[in-house]
């Protein structure tokens, strides 16, 4: 991994600095700060960034799936399942109201 690649992934993952990354990873700041200068970047670091970026995108898509004012362009299947369950419950409540109204009108 190059320094430019590292900086790009840090930014995309939402880290402001190496201190935030060190805290998330549970590593001493000095160790993380040495990466790219006196020490090579760990081989696993790119995968960690990929996972963090995917989780961030997933959380954003899931949040949009529950925001009534915004329709998500792409929504994970879990969000769709939860939305379907919510709609089924809403439909059940409307059917109960409809039944009660029919009884009252007869």
Protein backbone atom coordinates (compact mmCIF):
# COMPACT_ATOMS: atom_id res chain seq x y z
CA UNK A 1 0.00 0.00 0.00
CA UNK A 2 1.29 3.45 -0.88
CA UNK A 3 0.96 6.59 1.23
CA UNK A 4 -1.49 8.05 -1.29
CA UNK A 5 -3.58 4.87 -1.20
CA UNK A 6 -3.54 4.94 2.61
CA UNK A 7 -4.65 8.59 2.72
CA UNK A 8 -7.40 7.92 0.21
CA UNK A 9 -8.73 4.93 2.14
CA UNK A 10 -8.52 6.84 5.44
CA UNK A 11 -10.59 9.64 3.95
CA UNK A 12 -13.14 7.31 2.35
CA UNK A 13 -13.53 5.44 5.65
CA UNK A 14 -14.21 8.74 7.41
CA UNK A 15 -11.11 9.03 9.57
CA UNK A 16 -9.84 12.53 10.21
CA UNK A 17 -6.40 11.40 11.37
CA UNK A 18 -4.24 8.46 12.39
CA UNK A 19 -5.19 8.93 16.04
CA UNK A 20 -8.85 8.08 15.28
CA UNK A 21 -7.72 5.00 13.34
CA UNK A 22 -5.45 3.89 16.20
CA UNK A 23 -8.31 4.24 18.69
CA UNK A 24 -10.67 2.19 16.53
CA UNK A 25 -8.07 -0.55 16.02
CA UNK A 26 -7.06 -0.55 19.68
CA UNK A 27 -3.43 0.08 18.77
CA UNK A 28 -0.96 2.59 20.18
CA UNK A 29 -0.91 5.82 18.19
CA UNK A 30 2.88 5.54 17.78
CA UNK A 31 2.53 2.23 15.94
CA UNK A 32 -0.06 3.58 13.53
CA UNK A 33 1.90 6.81 13.06
CA UNK A 34 5.02 4.83 12.00
CA UNK A 35 3.15 3.11 9.16
CA UNK A 36 4.36 4.38 5.83
CA UNK A 37 7.50 5.96 7.22
CA UNK A 38 9.67 3.72 9.38
CA UNK A 39 7.43 0.65 9.00
CA UNK A 40 5.44 -0.85 6.17
CA UNK A 41 1.67 -0.80 6.24
CA UNK A 42 0.26 -4.05 7.66
CA UNK A 43 -0.98 -6.49 5.01
CA UNK A 44 -4.41 -6.66 6.70
CA UNK A 45 -4.95 -2.89 6.75
CA UNK A 46 -6.50 -2.62 3.29
CA UNK A 47 -9.12 -5.25 4.20
CA UNK A 48 -9.96 -3.37 7.41
CA UNK A 49 -10.55 -0.20 5.40
CA UNK A 50 -12.70 -2.09 2.89
CA UNK A 51 -14.84 -3.52 5.71
CA UNK A 52 -15.20 -0.12 7.39
CA UNK A 53 -16.17 1.55 4.09
CA UNK A 54 -18.74 -1.17 3.32
CA UNK A 55 -20.20 -0.91 6.83
CA UNK A 56 -20.43 2.87 6.47
CA UNK A 57 -22.25 2.56 3.12
CA UNK A 58 -24.54 -0.11 4.55
CA UNK A 59 -25.43 2.08 7.54
CA UNK A 60 -26.15 5.04 5.25
CA UNK A 61 -28.35 2.92 2.96
CA UNK A 62 -30.18 1.43 5.94
CA UNK A 63 -30.78 4.88 7.39
CA UNK A 64 -32.17 6.12 4.09
CA UNK A 65 -34.47 3.11 3.94
CA UNK A 66 -36.26 4.32 7.08
CA UNK A 67 -36.34 8.02 6.22
CA UNK A 68 -39.82 8.72 4.83
CA UNK A 69 -38.66 11.90 3.06
CA UNK A 70 -35.95 10.17 1.00
CA UNK A 71 -36.35 7.13 -1.20
CA UNK A 72 -33.12 5.08 -1.30
CA UNK A 73 -31.75 4.39 -4.75
CA UNK A 74 -30.14 1.19 -3.54
CA UNK A 75 -31.33 -0.47 -0.36
CA UNK A 76 -29.98 -3.64 1.25
CA UNK A 77 -32.31 -6.61 1.42
CA UNK A 78 -32.45 -6.37 5.24
CA UNK A 79 -33.86 -2.84 5.00
CA UNK A 80 -36.41 -4.00 2.45
CA UNK A 81 -37.46 -6.85 4.72
CA UNK A 82 -37.93 -4.48 7.65
CA UNK A 83 -39.89 -2.04 5.48
CA UNK A 84 -42.10 -4.90 4.24
CA UNK A 85 -42.79 -5.98 7.80
CA UNK A 86 -43.72 -2.42 8.73
CA UNK A 87 -46.06 -2.19 5.75
CA UNK A 88 -47.68 -5.55 6.57
CA UNK A 89 -48.37 -4.33 10.11
CA UNK A 90 -49.81 -1.08 8.78
CA UNK A 91 -52.04 -3.02 6.37
CA UNK A 92 -53.25 -5.26 9.20
CA UNK A 93 -54.21 -2.19 11.25
CA UNK A 94 -56.11 -0.69 8.30
CA UNK A 95 -57.96 -3.96 7.75
CA UNK A 96 -59.01 -3.99 11.42
CA UNK A 97 -60.25 -0.40 11.15
CA UNK A 98 -62.14 -1.25 7.97
CA UNK A 99 -63.81 -4.17 9.71
CA UNK A 100 -64.84 -2.03 12.69
CA UNK A 101 -66.22 0.70 10.40
CA UNK A 102 -68.26 -1.84 8.42
CA UNK A 103 -69.79 -3.18 11.63
CA UNK A 104 -70.63 0.33 12.81
CA UNK A 105 -72.27 1.27 9.49
CA UNK A 106 -74.46 -1.84 9.35
